[in-house]
Amino acid sequence: MVSTFAAVRVIWLWLLPVSVESPLDARQIVNVISPIVLGLLPVVGTTVFVLMCSDRIRREWEHAAATDYLTGLPNRRTLNQEGVRMFDAARQAKAALTVAMLDVDHFKLINDNFGHETGDAALCHLTRVLKEAAGATAVLARMGGEEFVVVLPGVEGEAARHYMDELRRQVLVNPLRLDGQVVSMSISIGVSWRGEADVNFRSVLRRADRAVYQAKELGRNSVVIVTPENDLASATLRATAAPT
């Protein structure tokens, strides 16, 4: 920055006409202000650098606050914000919106048998499988621990059941293979969708949460739906034995 200013100063002085009539000509003005400008340049440069760093750090903090540290998925806070936005949009458009709660079956056994590092790797692997199976229109988030949430716009009823059962199947047939070990996983899924009586996103999420508990009680590795109309559960049961 200083060298650029010096080059500009030299060119300016060379182009300026010499005046003998003015007691303080343009060349003298340049000579007077040059030290001032040169003195301010480091301050300006430092200020710009600090502002750029502050903006980058702010963006990094915002990203960290919005995402799960392990999987990189939206976290609970971001899910609540995005869920509210998607619910309000669906309600205004009178469109379908499905919410599913996913829970890894017997995840504690993975930590106990293989260690917590493998448990973390299993969650990251599960994230990749779910993201690929869920598609671009769905929002996948990690609630914490081994709990995940899928928010799917434009789908409800039997289409939602088939969609979630495919997620369950994909997890089952894609075990984690790590250092010669095969870590099989299955998931229980609780599903519900927006009803006309629902006033907010959390009401749908609560039904999905209640449904996933019923899926576990029914033997795990299953899909349970709690409908908004009658608040009753219906289940899609599958064999609980994971492939090796």
Foldseek 3Di string as FASTA:
>chain_A
DLVVVVVVLVVVVVPDDDDPPDPQDPNNVCVVCVVVVSVCVVVVVVVVVVVVVVVVVVVVVVQVVQADPQQRAGEPVVCQVVLQVLVVVCLVVVAKKKKKKKAKPPLVVCCVVPNVVVSSVQLNVLSVQLDVLVDDQWGWYAHDDRMIMIMHTRDDDPRVQVSVLVSQVSLLQDFDQDPNDTHHIGMAMFMEMDDNPDDGSVVRVVLNVVQSVVCVVVPGSWYWYQYPPPRDIDIDDDDPDGDD
